[in-house]
Amino acid sequence: MPKKIDHDERRRDIARAAIAVIGDLGIDNTRLVDVARAANATTGTITHYFEDKDAVLLAALDHVAQNILFMLRHPEKPDDIVALAELILPIDEDAMRDWRVWMSFFGRAVGDPALARINKAYYDEFRDGLATIIRRHQAEGKLASRIAPDITADAIISVIDGFCIRATLEREEWPAERQKAQLEAMLRPLLPKPEKRRAGKGG
């Protein structure tokens, strides 16, 4: 019997291969033949699943974004928000490649309205996911009620984007421990715990 092909998994394989190639060569130097080689496939296989190179590149971007969204939604994620944010730091080869892919699309989005809209949609999902976690922590008494969930979520994303871009470009100067220490220093003040109530006189 012919071997049954999981087409969704094959698309994911190609997206992962594209991430590896973009991470190594940059988005402008990435060719379909390079992606095919990394995916252990032919260019005909690539074009069977994707219309053109741009579609492959978008699949790579979506794969990176979905990994982040999965971490935000996974029931076994770290309960501490700073610890959760640590999971996406560029401290290993896979995360570094993901950040290179993400940064590659930043530049393209500046001059491409369609890509800018896609980029904004991902960030809206990131913000909404973080805001949901913040609201839950507030309801559980882990975070101060005065925190504005949406504003705080956007601030967290901006902090992570800012120094992780530097960490990706200045890899030797940003080892894992420095990244984690920087994350702690910048995020923890955004996430105050509820103030303890002072006991009244005679109480």
N, C-alpha and C. Protein backbone atom coordinates (compact mmCIF):
# COMPACT_ATOMS: atom_id res chain seq x y z
N MET A 1 0.84 -1.21 0.00
CA MET A 1 0.00 0.00 0.00
C MET A 1 0.87 1.25 0.00
N PRO A 2 0.46 2.29 -0.73
CA PRO A 2 1.24 3.54 -0.72
C PRO A 2 1.29 4.12 0.69
N LYS A 3 2.42 4.72 1.00
CA LYS A 3 2.60 5.33 2.32
C LYS A 3 1.69 6.56 2.46
N LYS A 4 0.93 6.61 3.55
CA LYS A 4 0.04 7.73 3.78
C LYS A 4 0.84 8.96 4.20
N ILE A 5 0.59 10.08 3.55
CA ILE A 5 1.34 11.31 3.82
C ILE A 5 0.51 12.24 4.69
N ASP A 6 1.10 12.72 5.75
CA ASP A 6 0.46 13.73 6.60
C ASP A 6 0.80 15.09 6.00
N HIS A 7 -0.13 15.66 5.24
CA HIS A 7 0.17 16.89 4.50
C HIS A 7 0.39 18.08 5.43
N ASP A 8 -0.36 18.14 6.52
CA ASP A 8 -0.15 19.24 7.47
C ASP A 8 1.23 19.17 8.09
N GLU A 9 1.67 17.96 8.44
CA GLU A 9 3.01 17.81 9.02
C GLU A 9 4.07 18.13 7.97
N ARG A 10 3.81 17.79 6.72
CA ARG A 10 4.78 18.11 5.66
C ARG A 10 4.91 19.62 5.51
N ARG A 11 3.80 20.33 5.58
CA ARG A 11 3.87 21.80 5.53
C ARG A 11 4.68 22.35 6.70
N ARG A 12 4.46 21.77 7.89
CA ARG A 12 5.22 22.22 9.07
C ARG A 12 6.71 21.92 8.89
N ASP A 13 7.03 20.78 8.30
CA ASP A 13 8.44 20.44 8.04
C ASP A 13 9.08 21.49 7.14
N ILE A 14 8.35 21.89 6.11
CA ILE A 14 8.87 22.89 5.17
C ILE A 14 9.03 24.23 5.87
N ALA A 15 8.06 24.60 6.71
CA ALA A 15 8.17 25.86 7.45
C ALA A 15 9.38 25.83 8.38
N ARG A 16 9.59 24.71 9.06
CA ARG A 16 10.76 24.60 9.95
C ARG A 16 12.06 24.68 9.15
N ALA A 17 12.06 24.09 7.96
CA ALA A 17 13.25 24.17 7.11
C ALA A 17 13.51 25.61 6.68
N ALA A 18 12.43 26.33 6.36
CA ALA A 18 12.56 27.74 5.97
C ALA A 18 13.12 28.56 7.12
N ILE A 19 12.68 28.28 8.35
CA ILE A 19 13.20 28.99 9.52
C ILE A 19 14.71 28.78 9.63
N ALA A 20 15.14 27.54 9.45
CA ALA A 20 16.57 27.24 9.56
C ALA A 20 17.37 27.99 8.50
N VAL A 21 16.83 28.03 7.27
CA VAL A 21 17.55 28.69 6.18
C VAL A 21 17.58 30.21 6.39
N ILE A 22 16.43 30.79 6.75
CA ILE A 22 16.39 32.23 7.00
C ILE A 22 17.33 32.59 8.14
N GLY A 23 17.34 31.75 9.19
CA GLY A 23 18.23 32.02 10.31
C GLY A 23 19.69 32.01 9.92
N ASP A 24 20.04 31.16 8.96
CA ASP A 24 21.44 31.06 8.54
C ASP A 24 21.82 32.07 7.46
N LEU A 25 20.92 32.29 6.51
CA LEU A 25 21.27 33.08 5.32
C LEU A 25 20.62 34.46 5.27
N GLY A 26 19.56 34.67 6.07
CA GLY A 26 18.80 35.91 5.96
C GLY A 26 17.68 35.74 4.95
N ILE A 27 16.66 36.54 5.10
CA ILE A 27 15.47 36.36 4.28
C ILE A 27 15.72 36.68 2.80
N ASP A 28 16.55 37.67 2.52
CA ASP A 28 16.77 38.06 1.12
C ASP A 28 17.61 37.04 0.36
N ASN A 29 18.43 36.28 1.08
CA ASN A 29 19.29 35.29 0.44
C ASN A 29 18.68 33.89 0.41
N THR A 30 17.48 33.76 0.97
CA THR A 30 16.83 32.45 1.03
C THR A 30 16.20 32.12 -0.33
N ARG A 31 16.52 30.94 -0.85
CA ARG A 31 15.95 30.47 -2.11
C ARG A 31 15.15 29.20 -1.86
N LEU A 32 14.20 28.93 -2.75
CA LEU A 32 13.40 27.71 -2.59
C LEU A 32 14.27 26.47 -2.62
N VAL A 33 15.31 26.48 -3.42
CA VAL A 33 16.19 25.31 -3.49
C VAL A 33 16.88 25.08 -2.15
N ASP A 34 17.19 26.16 -1.42
CA ASP A 34 17.81 26.01 -0.10
C ASP A 34 16.82 25.42 0.89
N VAL A 35 15.58 25.89 0.82
CA VAL A 35 14.53 25.37 1.71
C VAL A 35 14.29 23.90 1.40
N ALA A 36 14.23 23.56 0.11
CA ALA A 36 14.01 22.17 -0.29
C ALA A 36 15.12 21.27 0.24
N ARG A 37 16.35 21.73 0.12
CA ARG A 37 17.49 20.94 0.60
C ARG A 37 17.39 20.74 2.11
N ALA A 38 17.04 21.79 2.84
CA ALA A 38 16.93 21.69 4.30
C ALA A 38 15.78 20.79 4.71
N ALA A 39 14.73 20.74 3.88
CA ALA A 39 13.56 19.91 4.18
C ALA A 39 13.69 18.49 3.64
N ASN A 40 14.85 18.21 3.03
CA ASN A 40 15.07 16.89 2.39
C ASN A 40 13.96 16.61 1.38
N ALA A 41 13.73 17.61 0.55
CA ALA A 41 12.65 17.52 -0.44
C ALA A 41 13.14 18.13 -1.75
N THR A 42 12.28 18.14 -2.74
CA THR A 42 12.58 18.79 -4.01
C THR A 42 11.83 20.12 -4.08
N THR A 43 12.25 20.98 -4.99
CA THR A 43 11.53 22.25 -5.15
C THR A 43 10.12 21.99 -5.65
N GLY A 44 9.92 20.88 -6.38
CA GLY A 44 8.58 20.52 -6.81
C GLY A 44 7.67 20.21 -5.63
N THR A 45 8.25 19.57 -4.61
CA THR A 45 7.46 19.30 -3.40
C THR A 45 7.07 20.61 -2.72
N ILE A 46 8.02 21.54 -2.65
CA ILE A 46 7.74 22.83 -2.01
C ILE A 46 6.60 23.54 -2.73
N THR A 47 6.67 23.61 -4.06
CA THR A 47 5.64 24.33 -4.82
C THR A 47 4.32 23.56 -4.85
N HIS A 48 4.35 22.28 -4.52
CA HIS A 48 3.09 21.53 -4.39
C HIS A 48 2.30 22.03 -3.18
N TYR A 49 3.02 22.40 -2.12
CA TYR A 49 2.37 22.82 -0.88
C TYR A 49 2.22 24.34 -0.75
N PHE A 50 3.09 25.08 -1.44
CA PHE A 50 3.06 26.53 -1.31
C PHE A 50 3.12 27.17 -2.70
N GLU A 51 2.37 28.25 -2.84
CA GLU A 51 2.24 28.89 -4.15
C GLU A 51 3.56 29.44 -4.66
N ASP A 52 4.33 30.07 -3.79
CA ASP A 52 5.58 30.68 -4.20
C ASP A 52 6.48 30.87 -2.99
N LYS A 53 7.62 31.52 -3.20
CA LYS A 53 8.58 31.73 -2.11
C LYS A 53 7.98 32.56 -0.99
N ASP A 54 7.21 33.59 -1.34
CA ASP A 54 6.61 34.43 -0.30
C ASP A 54 5.69 33.63 0.61
N ALA A 55 4.97 32.67 0.05
CA ALA A 55 4.08 31.83 0.85
C ALA A 55 4.89 30.96 1.81
N VAL A 56 6.03 30.48 1.37
CA VAL A 56 6.90 29.69 2.24
C VAL A 56 7.42 30.56 3.39
N LEU A 57 7.83 31.77 3.06
CA LEU A 57 8.36 32.68 4.07
C LEU A 57 7.29 33.03 5.10
N LEU A 58 6.07 33.25 4.64
CA LEU A 58 4.97 33.54 5.56
C LEU A 58 4.67 32.34 6.46
N ALA A 59 4.82 31.15 5.91
CA ALA A 59 4.62 29.95 6.72
C ALA A 59 5.67 29.86 7.82
N ALA A 60 6.89 30.28 7.50
CA ALA A 60 7.95 30.30 8.52
C ALA A 60 7.61 31.29 9.62
N LEU A 61 7.15 32.47 9.23
CA LEU A 61 6.77 33.49 10.22
C LEU A 61 5.62 32.97 11.09
N ASP A 62 4.64 32.34 10.46
CA ASP A 62 3.49 31.84 11.22
C ASP A 62 3.91 30.75 12.19
N HIS A 63 4.85 29.92 11.79
CA HIS A 63 5.32 28.85 12.67
C HIS A 63 5.96 29.44 13.92
N VAL A 64 6.76 30.48 13.75
CA VAL A 64 7.38 31.15 14.91
C VAL A 64 6.30 31.75 15.81
N ALA A 65 5.34 32.45 15.20
CA ALA A 65 4.29 33.09 15.99
C ALA A 65 3.44 32.05 16.73
N GLN A 66 3.13 30.95 16.07
CA GLN A 66 2.30 29.92 16.71
C GLN A 66 3.02 29.26 17.87
N ASN A 67 4.35 29.15 17.79
CA ASN A 67 5.11 28.62 18.93
C ASN A 67 4.94 29.51 20.15
N ILE A 68 4.99 30.82 19.94
CA ILE A 68 4.82 31.76 21.05
C ILE A 68 3.41 31.68 21.60
N LEU A 69 2.42 31.65 20.71
CA LEU A 69 1.02 31.58 21.16
C LEU A 69 0.75 30.28 21.90
N PHE A 70 1.37 29.20 21.47
CA PHE A 70 1.21 27.92 22.16
C PHE A 70 1.72 28.02 23.60
N MET A 71 2.85 28.68 23.77
CA MET A 71 3.39 28.84 25.13
C MET A 71 2.45 29.67 26.00
N LEU A 72 1.82 30.68 25.43
CA LEU A 72 0.90 31.51 26.19
C LEU A 72 -0.36 30.75 26.60
N ARG A 73 -0.77 29.80 25.78
CA ARG A 73 -2.04 29.10 26.01
C ARG A 73 -1.89 27.74 26.67
N HIS A 74 -0.68 27.21 26.70
CA HIS A 74 -0.49 25.85 27.18
C HIS A 74 -0.79 25.76 28.67
N PRO A 75 -1.58 24.77 29.08
CA PRO A 75 -1.96 24.67 30.50
C PRO A 75 -0.79 24.41 31.43
N GLU A 76 0.31 23.88 30.91
CA GLU A 76 1.46 23.57 31.76
C GLU A 76 2.55 24.64 31.68
N LYS A 77 2.20 25.82 31.19
CA LYS A 77 3.17 26.91 31.11
C LYS A 77 3.56 27.36 32.52
N PRO A 78 4.74 28.00 32.68
CA PRO A 78 5.11 28.53 34.00
C PRO A 78 4.06 29.51 34.52
N ASP A 79 3.80 29.45 35.81
CA ASP A 79 2.77 30.33 36.37
C ASP A 79 3.28 31.76 36.50
N ASP A 80 4.59 31.92 36.65
CA ASP A 80 5.17 33.26 36.78
C ASP A 80 5.36 33.86 35.39
N ILE A 81 4.92 35.10 35.18
CA ILE A 81 4.97 35.72 33.86
C ILE A 81 6.41 35.95 33.40
N VAL A 82 7.30 36.32 34.32
CA VAL A 82 8.70 36.51 33.93
C VAL A 82 9.31 35.18 33.50
N ALA A 83 9.01 34.12 34.22
CA ALA A 83 9.51 32.79 33.84
C ALA A 83 8.94 32.36 32.49
N LEU A 84 7.69 32.71 32.23
CA LEU A 84 7.07 32.42 30.94
C LEU A 84 7.80 33.16 29.82
N ALA A 85 8.10 34.43 30.06
CA ALA A 85 8.79 35.23 29.05
C ALA A 85 10.19 34.69 28.76
N GLU A 86 10.81 34.07 29.75
CA GLU A 86 12.15 33.50 29.55
C GLU A 86 12.17 32.45 28.45
N LEU A 87 11.03 31.80 28.24
CA LEU A 87 10.97 30.71 27.27
C LEU A 87 11.21 31.16 25.84
N ILE A 88 11.05 32.45 25.56
CA ILE A 88 11.23 32.91 24.18
C ILE A 88 12.53 33.71 24.00
N LEU A 89 13.35 33.78 25.04
CA LEU A 89 14.63 34.48 24.90
C LEU A 89 15.53 33.74 23.91
N PRO A 90 16.35 34.47 23.16
CA PRO A 90 17.26 33.82 22.20
C PRO A 90 18.51 33.26 22.87
N ILE A 91 18.30 32.23 23.71
CA ILE A 91 19.41 31.68 24.48
C ILE A 91 19.91 30.35 23.95
N ASP A 92 19.26 29.83 22.90
CA ASP A 92 19.77 28.62 22.26
C ASP A 92 19.60 28.78 20.75
N GLU A 93 20.09 27.80 20.00
CA GLU A 93 20.11 27.92 18.55
C GLU A 93 18.71 28.04 17.96
N ASP A 94 17.77 27.25 18.46
CA ASP A 94 16.42 27.29 17.90
C ASP A 94 15.76 28.65 18.15
N ALA A 95 15.87 29.16 19.37
CA ALA A 95 15.26 30.45 19.69
C ALA A 95 15.96 31.58 18.93
N MET A 96 17.29 31.46 18.77
CA MET A 96 18.02 32.47 18.02
C MET A 96 17.54 32.53 16.57
N ARG A 97 17.32 31.38 15.97
CA ARG A 97 16.82 31.35 14.60
C ARG A 97 15.41 31.94 14.52
N ASP A 98 14.58 31.62 15.50
CA ASP A 98 13.23 32.19 15.51
C ASP A 98 13.29 33.71 15.53
N TRP A 99 14.17 34.26 16.37
CA TRP A 99 14.29 35.71 16.44
C TRP A 99 14.84 36.30 15.15
N ARG A 100 15.75 35.62 14.49
CA ARG A 100 16.26 36.11 13.21
C ARG A 100 15.16 36.16 12.17
N VAL A 101 14.30 35.13 12.18
CA VAL A 101 13.16 35.13 11.26
C VAL A 101 12.24 36.30 11.56
N TRP A 102 11.90 36.46 12.85
CA TRP A 102 11.00 37.54 13.26
C TRP A 102 11.56 38.90 12.86
N MET A 103 12.84 39.11 13.10
CA MET A 103 13.47 40.39 12.77
C MET A 103 13.52 40.61 11.26
N SER A 104 13.70 39.54 10.50
CA SER A 104 13.75 39.67 9.04
C SER A 104 12.45 40.23 8.50
N PHE A 105 11.34 39.83 9.11
CA PHE A 105 10.04 40.31 8.63
C PHE A 105 9.73 41.73 9.09
N PHE A 106 10.38 42.19 10.17
CA PHE A 106 10.20 43.58 10.59
C PHE A 106 10.53 44.52 9.43
N GLY A 107 11.70 44.30 8.84
CA GLY A 107 12.15 45.18 7.76
C GLY A 107 11.22 45.15 6.57
N ARG A 108 10.74 43.98 6.23
CA ARG A 108 9.82 43.86 5.10
C ARG A 108 8.48 44.53 5.38
N ALA A 109 8.03 44.43 6.62
CA ALA A 109 6.72 44.99 6.96
C ALA A 109 6.68 46.50 6.82
N VAL A 110 7.83 47.16 6.95
CA VAL A 110 7.88 48.62 6.83
C VAL A 110 7.36 49.08 5.47
N GLY A 111 7.71 48.36 4.43
CA GLY A 111 7.30 48.76 3.08
C GLY A 111 6.23 47.89 2.47
N ASP A 112 5.62 47.00 3.26
CA ASP A 112 4.62 46.07 2.74
C ASP A 112 3.39 46.13 3.63
N PRO A 113 2.34 46.88 3.22
CA PRO A 113 1.15 47.02 4.06
C PRO A 113 0.49 45.70 4.43
N ALA A 114 0.48 44.74 3.50
CA ALA A 114 -0.15 43.45 3.79
C ALA A 114 0.61 42.73 4.89
N LEU A 115 1.93 42.74 4.81
CA LEU A 115 2.74 42.09 5.84
C LEU A 115 2.64 42.84 7.16
N ALA A 116 2.52 44.15 7.09
CA ALA A 116 2.36 44.94 8.32
C ALA A 116 1.07 44.57 9.03
N ARG A 117 0.01 44.32 8.26
CA ARG A 117 -1.26 43.91 8.87
C ARG A 117 -1.13 42.53 9.52
N ILE A 118 -0.42 41.64 8.86
CA ILE A 118 -0.21 40.30 9.43
C ILE A 118 0.59 40.41 10.72
N ASN A 119 1.62 41.24 10.69
CA ASN A 119 2.47 41.43 11.86
C ASN A 119 1.66 41.99 13.03
N LYS A 120 0.80 42.97 12.74
CA LYS A 120 -0.04 43.57 13.78
C LYS A 120 -1.00 42.53 14.36
N ALA A 121 -1.55 41.68 13.51
CA ALA A 121 -2.49 40.66 13.99
C ALA A 121 -1.81 39.71 14.98
N TYR A 122 -0.55 39.34 14.69
CA TYR A 122 0.18 38.49 15.63
C TYR A 122 0.38 39.22 16.96
N TYR A 123 0.78 40.48 16.90
CA TYR A 123 1.02 41.23 18.14
C TYR A 123 -0.27 41.42 18.93
N ASP A 124 -1.38 41.58 18.24
CA ASP A 124 -2.66 41.67 18.95
C ASP A 124 -2.94 40.38 19.71
N GLU A 125 -2.62 39.25 19.08
CA GLU A 125 -2.83 37.97 19.76
C GLU A 125 -1.89 37.81 20.95
N PHE A 126 -0.63 38.23 20.77
CA PHE A 126 0.32 38.16 21.89
C PHE A 126 -0.19 38.99 23.07
N ARG A 127 -0.63 40.23 22.76
CA ARG A 127 -1.13 41.11 23.82
C ARG A 127 -2.35 40.52 24.51
N ASP A 128 -3.28 40.02 23.72
CA ASP A 128 -4.50 39.47 24.31
C ASP A 128 -4.20 38.25 25.18
N GLY A 129 -3.26 37.42 24.72
CA GLY A 129 -2.88 36.25 25.51
C GLY A 129 -2.25 36.62 26.83
N LEU A 130 -1.34 37.58 26.80
CA LEU A 130 -0.70 38.04 28.04
C LEU A 130 -1.70 38.73 28.95
N ALA A 131 -2.57 39.55 28.39
CA ALA A 131 -3.57 40.26 29.19
C ALA A 131 -4.49 39.28 29.90
N THR A 132 -4.82 38.19 29.22
CA THR A 132 -5.67 37.16 29.84
C THR A 132 -4.97 36.55 31.05
N ILE A 133 -3.67 36.28 30.91
CA ILE A 133 -2.91 35.72 32.03
C ILE A 133 -2.84 36.72 33.18
N ILE A 134 -2.62 38.00 32.85
CA ILE A 134 -2.55 39.03 33.89
C ILE A 134 -3.88 39.11 34.65
N ARG A 135 -4.99 39.11 33.93
CA ARG A 135 -6.31 39.18 34.58
C ARG A 135 -6.53 37.97 35.50
N ARG A 136 -6.09 36.81 35.05
CA ARG A 136 -6.26 35.61 35.88
C ARG A 136 -5.43 35.73 37.15
N HIS A 137 -4.21 36.24 37.03
CA HIS A 137 -3.35 36.41 38.20
C HIS A 137 -3.95 37.46 39.16
N GLN A 138 -4.57 38.48 38.60
CA GLN A 138 -5.23 39.46 39.46
C GLN A 138 -6.40 38.82 40.21
N ALA A 139 -7.17 38.02 39.52
CA ALA A 139 -8.32 37.35 40.15
C ALA A 139 -7.86 36.38 41.24
N GLU A 140 -6.67 35.81 41.06
CA GLU A 140 -6.13 34.87 42.05
C GLU A 140 -5.35 35.56 43.16
N GLY A 141 -5.28 36.90 43.09
CA GLY A 141 -4.58 37.65 44.12
C GLY A 141 -3.07 37.62 44.01
N LYS A 142 -2.54 37.32 42.83
CA LYS A 142 -1.09 37.25 42.63
C LYS A 142 -0.51 38.56 42.11
N LEU A 143 -1.35 39.40 41.51
CA LEU A 143 -0.91 40.68 40.97
C LEU A 143 -1.84 41.79 41.46
N ALA A 144 -1.28 42.99 41.57
CA ALA A 144 -2.07 44.13 42.05
C ALA A 144 -3.22 44.43 41.09
N SER A 145 -4.35 44.78 41.64
CA SER A 145 -5.53 45.06 40.82
C SER A 145 -5.40 46.35 40.03
N ARG A 146 -4.48 47.22 40.43
CA ARG A 146 -4.32 48.50 39.75
C ARG A 146 -3.62 48.37 38.38
N ILE A 147 -3.07 47.21 38.10
CA ILE A 147 -2.42 47.01 36.80
C ILE A 147 -3.47 47.00 35.70
N ALA A 148 -3.19 47.73 34.63
CA ALA A 148 -4.05 47.70 33.44
C ALA A 148 -3.57 46.56 32.54
N PRO A 149 -4.33 45.46 32.42
CA PRO A 149 -3.83 44.27 31.72
C PRO A 149 -3.35 44.51 30.30
N ASP A 150 -4.14 45.22 29.48
CA ASP A 150 -3.73 45.43 28.08
C ASP A 150 -2.48 46.30 27.98
N ILE A 151 -2.43 47.37 28.75
CA ILE A 151 -1.27 48.27 28.71
C ILE A 151 -0.03 47.55 29.21
N THR A 152 -0.18 46.79 30.30
CA THR A 152 0.96 46.05 30.84
C THR A 152 1.44 44.98 29.87
N ALA A 153 0.50 44.31 29.22
CA ALA A 153 0.88 43.29 28.23
C ALA A 153 1.67 43.91 27.09
N ASP A 154 1.22 45.06 26.59
CA ASP A 154 1.96 45.74 25.53
C ASP A 154 3.35 46.17 26.00
N ALA A 155 3.44 46.61 27.26
CA ALA A 155 4.74 47.01 27.81
C ALA A 155 5.68 45.82 27.89
N ILE A 156 5.18 44.68 28.32
CA ILE A 156 6.00 43.47 28.40
C ILE A 156 6.52 43.08 27.02
N ILE A 157 5.64 43.12 26.03
CA ILE A 157 6.05 42.78 24.65
C ILE A 157 7.12 43.74 24.15
N SER A 158 6.95 45.02 24.43
CA SER A 158 7.92 46.02 23.98
C SER A 158 9.28 45.80 24.63
N VAL A 159 9.28 45.47 25.91
CA VAL A 159 10.53 45.19 26.62
C VAL A 159 11.23 43.99 25.99
N ILE A 160 10.49 42.91 25.78
CA ILE A 160 11.08 41.69 25.21
C ILE A 160 11.62 41.96 23.82
N ASP A 161 10.83 42.63 22.98
CA ASP A 161 11.29 42.95 21.63
C ASP A 161 12.59 43.75 21.67
N GLY A 162 12.61 44.78 22.52
CA GLY A 162 13.74 45.70 22.53
C GLY A 162 15.06 45.04 22.83
N PHE A 163 15.16 44.35 23.97
CA PHE A 163 16.49 43.84 24.30
C PHE A 163 16.79 42.50 23.63
N CYS A 164 15.75 41.78 23.20
CA CYS A 164 16.02 40.53 22.47
C CYS A 164 16.56 40.80 21.07
N ILE A 165 16.17 41.92 20.48
CA ILE A 165 16.78 42.30 19.21
C ILE A 165 18.27 42.53 19.40
N ARG A 166 18.63 43.24 20.46
CA ARG A 166 20.06 43.45 20.76
C ARG A 166 20.75 42.12 21.04
N ALA A 167 20.10 41.26 21.82
CA ALA A 167 20.71 39.98 22.16
C ALA A 167 20.93 39.11 20.93
N THR A 168 20.03 39.24 19.95
CA THR A 168 20.17 38.47 18.72
C THR A 168 21.31 39.01 17.86
N LEU A 169 21.44 40.34 17.80
CA LEU A 169 22.47 40.96 16.98
C LEU A 169 23.84 40.97 17.66
N GLU A 170 23.84 41.00 19.00
CA GLU A 170 25.08 41.07 19.77
C GLU A 170 25.22 39.80 20.61
N ARG A 171 25.21 38.69 19.95
CA ARG A 171 25.09 37.39 20.62
C ARG A 171 26.16 37.16 21.68
N GLU A 172 27.41 37.48 21.36
CA GLU A 172 28.50 37.20 22.30
C GLU A 172 28.38 38.04 23.57
N GLU A 173 27.78 39.20 23.47
CA GLU A 173 27.68 40.09 24.62
C GLU A 173 26.43 39.82 25.47
N TRP A 174 25.55 38.93 24.99
CA TRP A 174 24.30 38.66 25.70
C TRP A 174 24.13 37.18 25.96
N PRO A 175 24.95 36.59 26.84
CA PRO A 175 24.75 35.18 27.20
C PRO A 175 23.43 35.00 27.94
N ALA A 176 23.05 33.76 28.14
CA ALA A 176 21.75 33.45 28.73
C ALA A 176 21.53 34.13 30.08
N GLU A 177 22.53 34.11 30.94
CA GLU A 177 22.34 34.69 32.27
C GLU A 177 22.12 36.19 32.22
N ARG A 178 22.81 36.87 31.30
CA ARG A 178 22.59 38.31 31.18
C ARG A 178 21.18 38.58 30.66
N GLN A 179 20.73 37.79 29.71
CA GLN A 179 19.37 37.97 29.18
C GLN A 179 18.33 37.79 30.29
N LYS A 180 18.49 36.74 31.08
CA LYS A 180 17.52 36.47 32.15
C LYS A 180 17.54 37.57 33.21
N ALA A 181 18.74 38.05 33.54
CA ALA A 181 18.85 39.12 34.53
C ALA A 181 18.21 40.40 34.01
N GLN A 182 18.41 40.71 32.73
CA GLN A 182 17.83 41.90 32.14
C GLN A 182 16.31 41.80 32.11
N LEU A 183 15.82 40.61 31.76
CA LEU A 183 14.37 40.40 31.73
C LEU A 183 13.76 40.61 33.12
N GLU A 184 14.39 40.04 34.13
CA GLU A 184 13.91 40.19 35.50
C GLU A 184 13.90 41.66 35.91
N ALA A 185 14.96 42.39 35.58
CA ALA A 185 15.07 43.80 35.98
C ALA A 185 14.02 44.66 35.31
N MET A 186 13.65 44.33 34.08
CA MET A 186 12.74 45.17 33.33
C MET A 186 11.27 44.78 33.50
N LEU A 187 11.00 43.51 33.71
CA LEU A 187 9.60 43.08 33.80
C LEU A 187 9.06 43.08 35.22
N ARG A 188 9.88 42.74 36.19
CA ARG A 188 9.35 42.59 37.54
C ARG A 188 8.68 43.87 38.06
N PRO A 189 9.23 45.08 37.79
CA PRO A 189 8.54 46.29 38.25
C PRO A 189 7.17 46.50 37.62
N LEU A 190 6.93 45.89 36.46
CA LEU A 190 5.63 46.02 35.79
C LEU A 190 4.58 45.12 36.42
N LEU A 191 5.01 44.22 37.30
CA LEU A 191 4.12 43.18 37.82
C LEU A 191 4.10 43.16 39.34
N PRO A 192 3.69 44.28 39.96
CA PRO A 192 3.66 44.33 41.43
C PRO A 192 2.62 43.39 42.02
N LYS A 193 2.96 42.86 43.18
CA LYS A 193 2.00 42.02 43.90
C LYS A 193 1.03 42.92 44.67
N PRO A 194 -0.11 42.38 45.07
CA PRO A 194 -1.06 43.19 45.84
C PRO A 194 -0.43 43.68 47.14
N GLU A 195 -0.77 44.90 47.52
CA GLU A 195 -0.25 45.44 48.77
C GLU A 195 -0.96 44.77 49.94
N LYS A 196 -0.18 44.47 50.95
CA LYS A 196 -0.78 43.85 52.15
C LYS A 196 -1.53 44.91 52.93
N ARG A 197 -2.69 44.53 53.39
CA ARG A 197 -3.48 45.47 54.16
C ARG A 197 -2.89 45.62 55.56
N ARG A 198 -2.81 46.87 55.99
CA ARG A 198 -2.30 47.12 57.33
C ARG A 198 -3.39 46.88 58.35
N ALA A 199 -2.99 46.25 59.41
CA ALA A 199 -3.97 45.98 60.48
C ALA A 199 -4.36 47.30 61.16
N GLY A 200 -5.63 47.47 61.47
CA GLY A 200 -6.10 48.70 62.13
C GLY A 200 -5.67 48.72 63.58
N LYS A 201 -5.85 49.87 64.19
CA LYS A 201 -5.46 50.02 65.58
C LYS A 201 -6.23 49.00 66.43
N GLY A 202 -5.46 48.36 67.27
CA GLY A 202 -6.03 47.38 68.15
C GLY A 202 -6.38 46.10 67.45
N GLY A 203 -6.07 46.04 66.12
CA GLY A 203 -6.41 44.85 65.36
C GLY A 203 -5.25 43.90 65.26
